[in-house]
Amino acid sequence: MSPFPDQAHSKRRDEAIGLLLMATAMLIIPSSDAIAKYLSGAHSPAFLSWVRYIAALGFILPVALIQRGRAPEPAHAPASRARYWLAQVVRTAFLVAAMTLYFVAIARIPLADALGAYFIAPIAATLLAAIALRERLDRRKLSAVVLGFVGAILVVRPGTETSADTLIALASGFCMACYLVLTRATAQGRSPVSTLTIQLVLGILMLMPFAVLQWTMPTREGLLLILLMGLVSTLSNLMTISAFRLASVATLSPLVYLELIGATALGFALFGDLPSPITWAGIAVIVAAGLIVATAPPGARR
């Protein structure tokens, strides 16, 4: 029996809540991607990323202000505060790059194809977490990393006419992996609402020059869809940030694969898109790699 049963029970409960939050976030986020794909015929990826952030900020800012009034964030020393803000800027930059590149990809290829290449994120995150956060990387996880890259090659299929667009989705996945690791590293500093608010404000500022240069006026229908896209984005990001406060990168990252369920269904229902057999094979290999990581026994930090 564990000498600290209450702590062990609390840890299992936190991990279970983290898994539930992450799973829900991954199941609802494809609806936001489908809206972005639908709107990509009239707006640039950078503009869509920008307005998605603005819409999300509109939903989360009132909550952040109320929360700040009730429980102000703790003060930090100047050096610690500088490191925190640097981490937030870098983390947001990776997320902005991941989202914009993904929007570029889904404007050109089916949702599930883009998501298949993007699925390299959990595998890459496992490797990066071992390097940056000293999370244990044993032979089982290392074999999963190698298997994931093999699957990525099957999805990208170098030399085919779609490989350039799929490579963009693959680059999005690598940026997302960096974001996942940095989220885990910084999630304990502030509340999820505060973290998301900072992320949105920084993202808006980073994307503003590109959005202004590529400005297009949305229609009334477009505005409603943008608001819906922002709401879904807000909910999914809040749940993701909360999940990483409760569980490790290796535990949560494979749940990104749940996006495939919604992305494939929406892609077929709305756009008539289905992945090719080779793409399905690559996705299956990457998912298998993720499951190897997910079912690996937990290990202590080195």
Protein backbone atom coordinates (compact mmCIF):
# COMPACT_ATOMS: atom_id res chain seq x y z
CA MET A 1 0.00 0.00 0.00
CA SER A 2 1.20 3.49 -0.79
CA PRO A 3 2.48 5.42 2.26
CA PHE A 4 0.55 8.42 0.98
CA PRO A 5 -2.85 7.02 -0.12
CA ASP A 6 -4.54 10.42 -0.09
CA GLN A 7 -1.87 11.89 -2.37
CA ALA A 8 -2.06 8.90 -4.73
CA HIS A 9 -5.85 9.15 -4.89
CA SER A 10 -5.67 12.89 -5.51
CA LYS A 11 -3.15 12.39 -8.31
CA ARG A 12 -5.33 9.75 -10.01
CA ARG A 13 -8.35 12.01 -9.70
CA ASP A 14 -6.47 14.97 -11.20
CA GLU A 15 -5.24 12.83 -14.09
CA ALA A 16 -8.78 11.54 -14.73
CA ILE A 17 -10.15 15.11 -14.81
CA GLY A 18 -7.28 16.18 -17.07
CA LEU A 19 -8.01 13.32 -19.47
CA LEU A 20 -11.71 14.20 -19.58
CA LEU A 21 -11.01 17.88 -20.23
CA MET A 22 -8.47 17.12 -22.96
CA ALA A 23 -10.73 14.57 -24.65
CA THR A 24 -13.66 16.99 -24.72
CA ALA A 25 -11.49 19.78 -26.10
CA MET A 26 -10.17 17.57 -28.90
CA LEU A 27 -13.65 16.38 -29.88
CA ILE A 28 -15.11 19.88 -30.24
CA ILE A 29 -12.19 21.72 -31.89
CA PRO A 30 -12.74 20.22 -35.41
CA SER A 31 -15.95 22.26 -35.70
CA SER A 32 -13.84 25.41 -35.48
CA ASP A 33 -11.50 24.03 -38.16
CA ALA A 34 -14.46 23.24 -40.41
CA ILE A 35 -15.68 26.83 -40.09
CA ALA A 36 -12.19 28.08 -40.96
CA LYS A 37 -12.08 25.84 -44.04
CA TYR A 38 -15.50 27.10 -45.12
CA LEU A 39 -14.42 30.74 -44.69
CA SER A 40 -11.02 30.22 -46.36
CA GLY A 41 -12.55 30.84 -49.77
CA ALA A 42 -13.13 34.48 -48.83
CA HIS A 43 -10.43 35.22 -46.22
CA SER A 44 -6.70 34.60 -45.79
CA PRO A 45 -5.38 32.17 -43.13
CA ALA A 46 -3.72 35.01 -41.19
CA PHE A 47 -6.95 37.04 -41.18
CA LEU A 48 -8.97 34.01 -40.01
CA SER A 49 -6.47 33.31 -37.22
CA TRP A 50 -6.66 36.95 -36.13
CA VAL A 51 -10.44 37.22 -36.04
CA ARG A 52 -10.65 33.85 -34.30
CA TYR A 53 -8.45 35.25 -31.54
CA ILE A 54 -10.48 38.46 -31.33
CA ALA A 55 -13.76 36.53 -31.06
CA ALA A 56 -12.29 34.25 -28.40
CA LEU A 57 -10.99 37.25 -26.43
CA GLY A 58 -14.47 38.77 -26.49
CA PHE A 59 -15.78 35.67 -24.70
CA ILE A 60 -12.98 35.21 -22.18
CA LEU A 61 -12.09 38.82 -21.23
CA PRO A 62 -15.18 39.49 -19.02
CA VAL A 63 -14.51 36.24 -17.16
CA ALA A 64 -10.84 37.20 -16.71
CA LEU A 65 -11.73 40.64 -15.34
CA ILE A 66 -14.22 39.18 -12.85
CA GLN A 67 -11.73 36.55 -11.75
CA ARG A 68 -8.94 39.09 -11.35
CA GLY A 69 -11.16 41.26 -9.17
CA ARG A 70 -11.94 38.37 -6.85
CA ALA A 71 -8.43 36.88 -6.65
CA PRO A 72 -5.56 39.01 -7.98
CA GLU A 73 -2.64 37.14 -9.53
CA PRO A 74 0.36 36.73 -7.19
CA ALA A 75 3.23 39.16 -7.64
CA HIS A 76 6.60 37.89 -8.86
CA ALA A 77 10.14 39.19 -8.68
CA PRO A 78 11.23 41.23 -11.76
CA ALA A 79 13.55 38.47 -13.05
CA SER A 80 10.89 35.79 -12.56
CA ARG A 81 8.27 38.01 -14.21
CA ALA A 82 10.56 38.61 -17.20
CA ARG A 83 11.10 34.86 -17.66
CA TYR A 84 7.36 34.25 -17.39
CA TRP A 85 6.48 36.80 -20.07
CA LEU A 86 9.25 35.56 -22.37
CA ALA A 87 7.87 32.03 -22.05
CA GLN A 88 4.35 33.27 -22.79
CA VAL A 89 5.50 35.17 -25.89
CA VAL A 90 7.41 32.17 -27.27
CA ARG A 91 4.55 29.79 -26.39
CA THR A 92 1.98 31.98 -28.12
CA ALA A 93 4.24 32.42 -31.15
CA PHE A 94 4.33 28.65 -31.60
CA LEU A 95 0.54 28.42 -31.29
CA VAL A 96 -0.02 31.27 -33.75
CA ALA A 97 2.34 29.63 -36.23
CA ALA A 98 0.66 26.23 -35.74
CA MET A 99 -2.85 27.62 -36.25
CA THR A 100 -1.99 29.78 -39.26
CA LEU A 101 -0.07 27.00 -41.00
CA TYR A 102 -2.94 24.62 -40.32
CA PHE A 103 -5.43 27.08 -41.81
CA VAL A 104 -3.21 27.32 -44.89
CA ALA A 105 -3.24 23.53 -45.18
CA ILE A 106 -6.99 22.98 -44.72
CA ALA A 107 -7.72 25.62 -47.35
CA ARG A 108 -5.94 23.39 -49.89
CA ILE A 109 -6.39 19.78 -48.76
CA PRO A 110 -9.10 17.77 -46.95
CA LEU A 111 -9.48 18.26 -43.20
CA ALA A 112 -8.54 14.68 -42.35
CA ASP A 113 -5.45 14.74 -44.59
CA ALA A 114 -4.19 17.92 -42.92
CA LEU A 115 -4.98 16.51 -39.49
CA GLY A 116 -3.14 13.30 -40.33
CA ALA A 117 0.09 15.24 -40.88
CA TYR A 118 -0.64 17.47 -37.89
CA PHE A 119 -0.88 14.34 -35.72
CA ILE A 120 2.90 14.28 -35.50
CA ALA A 121 2.44 16.82 -32.68
CA PRO A 122 1.92 14.36 -29.77
CA ILE A 123 4.90 12.23 -30.83
CA ALA A 124 7.16 15.24 -31.23
CA ALA A 125 5.86 16.63 -27.92
CA THR A 126 6.88 13.41 -26.16
CA LEU A 127 10.43 13.76 -27.50
CA LEU A 128 10.62 17.47 -26.70
CA ALA A 129 9.25 16.95 -23.18
CA ALA A 130 12.02 14.44 -22.51
CA ILE A 131 14.60 17.01 -23.60
CA ALA A 132 13.14 20.21 -22.14
CA LEU A 133 11.13 19.01 -19.12
CA ARG A 134 13.17 15.90 -18.30
CA GLU A 135 10.12 13.67 -18.56
CA ARG A 136 11.35 10.10 -18.85
CA LEU A 137 11.86 8.74 -22.39
CA ASP A 138 12.34 4.96 -22.23
CA ARG A 139 12.78 2.50 -25.10
CA ARG A 140 9.04 2.10 -25.50
CA LYS A 141 8.45 5.83 -25.94
CA LEU A 142 11.51 6.17 -28.17
CA SER A 143 10.18 3.42 -30.46
CA ALA A 144 6.86 5.28 -30.56
CA VAL A 145 8.66 8.44 -31.67
CA VAL A 146 10.37 6.54 -34.51
CA LEU A 147 7.08 4.88 -35.49
CA GLY A 148 5.37 8.26 -35.53
CA PHE A 149 7.85 9.65 -38.00
CA VAL A 150 7.38 6.60 -40.24
CA GLY A 151 3.65 7.31 -40.22
CA ALA A 152 4.30 10.94 -41.04
CA ILE A 153 6.26 9.90 -44.12
CA LEU A 154 3.31 7.78 -45.27
CA VAL A 155 0.96 10.73 -44.80
CA VAL A 156 3.20 13.27 -46.52
CA ARG A 157 4.27 10.90 -49.35
CA PRO A 158 7.26 12.93 -50.62
CA GLY A 159 7.16 13.47 -54.35
CA THR A 160 3.39 13.46 -54.75
CA GLU A 161 1.51 16.52 -55.90
CA THR A 162 -0.02 17.09 -52.49
CA SER A 163 3.20 16.73 -50.49
CA ALA A 164 3.91 20.49 -50.36
CA ASP A 165 0.52 21.26 -48.79
CA THR A 166 0.79 18.29 -46.44
CA LEU A 167 4.26 19.43 -45.38
CA ILE A 168 2.65 22.69 -44.28
CA ALA A 169 0.30 20.69 -42.05
CA LEU A 170 3.30 18.71 -40.78
CA ALA A 171 5.10 21.95 -39.87
CA SER A 172 1.95 22.99 -38.03
CA GLY A 173 2.17 19.79 -35.99
CA PHE A 174 5.77 20.48 -34.98
CA CYS A 175 4.83 24.00 -33.88
CA MET A 176 1.94 22.57 -31.87
CA ALA A 177 4.33 20.12 -30.18
CA CYS A 178 6.44 23.05 -29.00
CA TYR A 179 3.27 24.77 -27.75
CA LEU A 180 2.17 21.65 -25.83
CA VAL A 181 5.50 21.36 -24.04
CA LEU A 182 5.65 25.06 -23.17
CA THR A 183 2.05 24.90 -21.95
CA ARG A 184 3.02 22.13 -19.55
CA ALA A 185 6.06 24.12 -18.42
CA THR A 186 4.11 27.34 -17.74
CA ALA A 187 0.63 26.08 -16.81
CA GLN A 188 1.23 26.23 -13.05
CA GLY A 189 2.03 29.95 -12.89
CA ARG A 190 -1.44 31.45 -13.38
CA SER A 191 -5.07 30.39 -13.66
CA PRO A 192 -6.28 28.88 -16.97
CA VAL A 193 -8.44 31.97 -17.67
CA SER A 194 -5.51 34.32 -17.10
CA THR A 195 -3.18 32.17 -19.21
CA LEU A 196 -5.66 32.03 -22.09
CA THR A 197 -6.31 35.79 -21.94
CA ILE A 198 -2.58 36.51 -22.18
CA GLN A 199 -2.29 34.03 -25.04
CA LEU A 200 -5.11 35.67 -26.98
CA VAL A 201 -3.86 39.24 -26.50
CA LEU A 202 -0.34 38.28 -27.59
CA GLY A 203 -1.70 36.34 -30.56
CA ILE A 204 -3.81 39.31 -31.70
CA LEU A 205 -0.79 41.61 -31.55
CA MET A 206 1.41 39.14 -33.45
CA LEU A 207 -1.14 38.60 -36.22
CA MET A 208 -2.38 42.19 -36.55
CA PRO A 209 0.13 43.37 -39.21
CA PHE A 210 -0.66 40.37 -41.44
CA ALA A 211 -4.41 40.72 -40.91
CA VAL A 212 -4.36 44.42 -41.81
CA LEU A 213 -2.39 43.75 -44.99
CA GLN A 214 -4.82 40.96 -45.99
CA TRP A 215 -8.02 42.61 -44.74
CA THR A 216 -11.36 41.35 -46.10
CA MET A 217 -14.78 42.35 -44.79
CA PRO A 218 -16.85 39.40 -43.51
CA THR A 219 -20.50 39.04 -44.45
CA ARG A 220 -23.22 38.83 -41.79
CA GLU A 221 -23.11 35.03 -42.04
CA GLY A 222 -19.32 35.19 -41.84
CA LEU A 223 -19.45 37.26 -38.65
CA LEU A 224 -21.77 34.74 -36.98
CA LEU A 225 -19.48 31.88 -38.00
CA ILE A 226 -16.44 33.79 -36.71
CA LEU A 227 -18.17 34.26 -33.34
CA LEU A 228 -18.97 30.55 -33.21
CA MET A 229 -15.38 29.73 -34.15
CA GLY A 230 -14.17 31.97 -31.32
CA LEU A 231 -16.50 30.37 -28.78
CA VAL A 232 -15.36 26.85 -29.67
CA SER A 233 -11.74 27.98 -29.60
CA THR A 234 -12.19 29.57 -26.16
CA LEU A 235 -13.77 26.48 -24.65
CA SER A 236 -11.25 24.07 -26.14
CA ASN A 237 -8.25 26.17 -25.12
CA LEU A 238 -9.52 26.62 -21.55
CA MET A 239 -10.01 22.89 -21.22
CA THR A 240 -6.57 22.17 -22.73
CA ILE A 241 -4.77 24.58 -20.41
CA SER A 242 -6.67 23.21 -17.41
CA ALA A 243 -5.82 19.64 -18.45
CA PHE A 244 -2.09 20.37 -18.57
CA ARG A 245 -2.27 21.72 -15.01
CA LEU A 246 -3.44 18.27 -13.92
CA ALA A 247 -1.59 15.69 -16.06
CA SER A 248 1.68 15.20 -17.94
CA VAL A 249 2.43 15.82 -21.61
CA ALA A 250 2.89 12.10 -22.30
CA THR A 251 -0.50 11.32 -20.72
CA LEU A 252 -2.49 13.99 -22.53
CA SER A 253 -0.78 14.41 -25.90
CA PRO A 254 -2.15 11.21 -27.52
CA LEU A 255 -5.71 12.44 -26.97
CA VAL A 256 -5.09 14.89 -29.82
CA TYR A 257 -5.93 11.89 -32.03
CA LEU A 258 -9.58 12.23 -31.04
CA GLU A 259 -9.69 15.21 -33.39
CA LEU A 260 -9.66 12.74 -36.28
CA ILE A 261 -13.15 11.53 -35.40
CA GLY A 262 -14.72 14.97 -35.70
CA ALA A 263 -12.50 16.13 -38.56
CA THR A 264 -13.27 13.10 -40.73
CA ALA A 265 -17.01 13.27 -40.05
CA LEU A 266 -17.24 17.03 -40.67
CA GLY A 267 -14.95 16.87 -43.70
CA PHE A 268 -17.13 14.23 -45.32
CA ALA A 269 -20.47 15.78 -44.31
CA LEU A 270 -19.62 19.35 -45.31
CA PHE A 271 -17.02 19.01 -48.06
CA GLY A 272 -17.25 15.41 -49.27
CA ASP A 273 -13.61 14.78 -48.31
CA LEU A 274 -12.15 11.45 -47.21
CA PRO A 275 -8.47 10.50 -46.79
CA SER A 276 -6.86 8.20 -49.36
CA PRO A 277 -5.95 4.61 -48.35
CA ILE A 278 -2.24 5.51 -48.03
CA THR A 279 -3.11 8.49 -45.85
CA TRP A 280 -5.26 6.25 -43.65
CA ALA A 281 -2.31 3.85 -43.34
CA GLY A 282 -0.02 6.67 -42.24
CA ILE A 283 -2.60 7.96 -39.76
CA ALA A 284 -3.01 4.45 -38.36
CA VAL A 285 0.76 4.16 -37.82
CA ILE A 286 0.89 7.55 -36.08
CA VAL A 287 -2.11 6.70 -33.88
CA ALA A 288 -0.49 3.38 -32.97
CA ALA A 289 2.64 5.27 -31.94
CA GLY A 290 0.55 7.59 -29.80
CA LEU A 291 -1.18 4.67 -28.12
CA ILE A 292 2.21 3.18 -27.28
CA VAL A 293 3.05 6.43 -25.51
CA ALA A 294 -0.36 6.61 -23.82
CA THR A 295 -0.17 3.06 -22.43
CA ALA A 296 3.44 3.28 -21.30
CA PRO A 297 3.81 2.90 -17.51
CA PRO A 298 4.40 6.25 -15.79
CA GLY A 299 7.97 7.00 -14.82
CA ALA A 300 9.65 9.47 -12.54
CA ARG A 301 11.45 12.50 -13.87
CA ARG A 302 15.17 11.92 -14.38
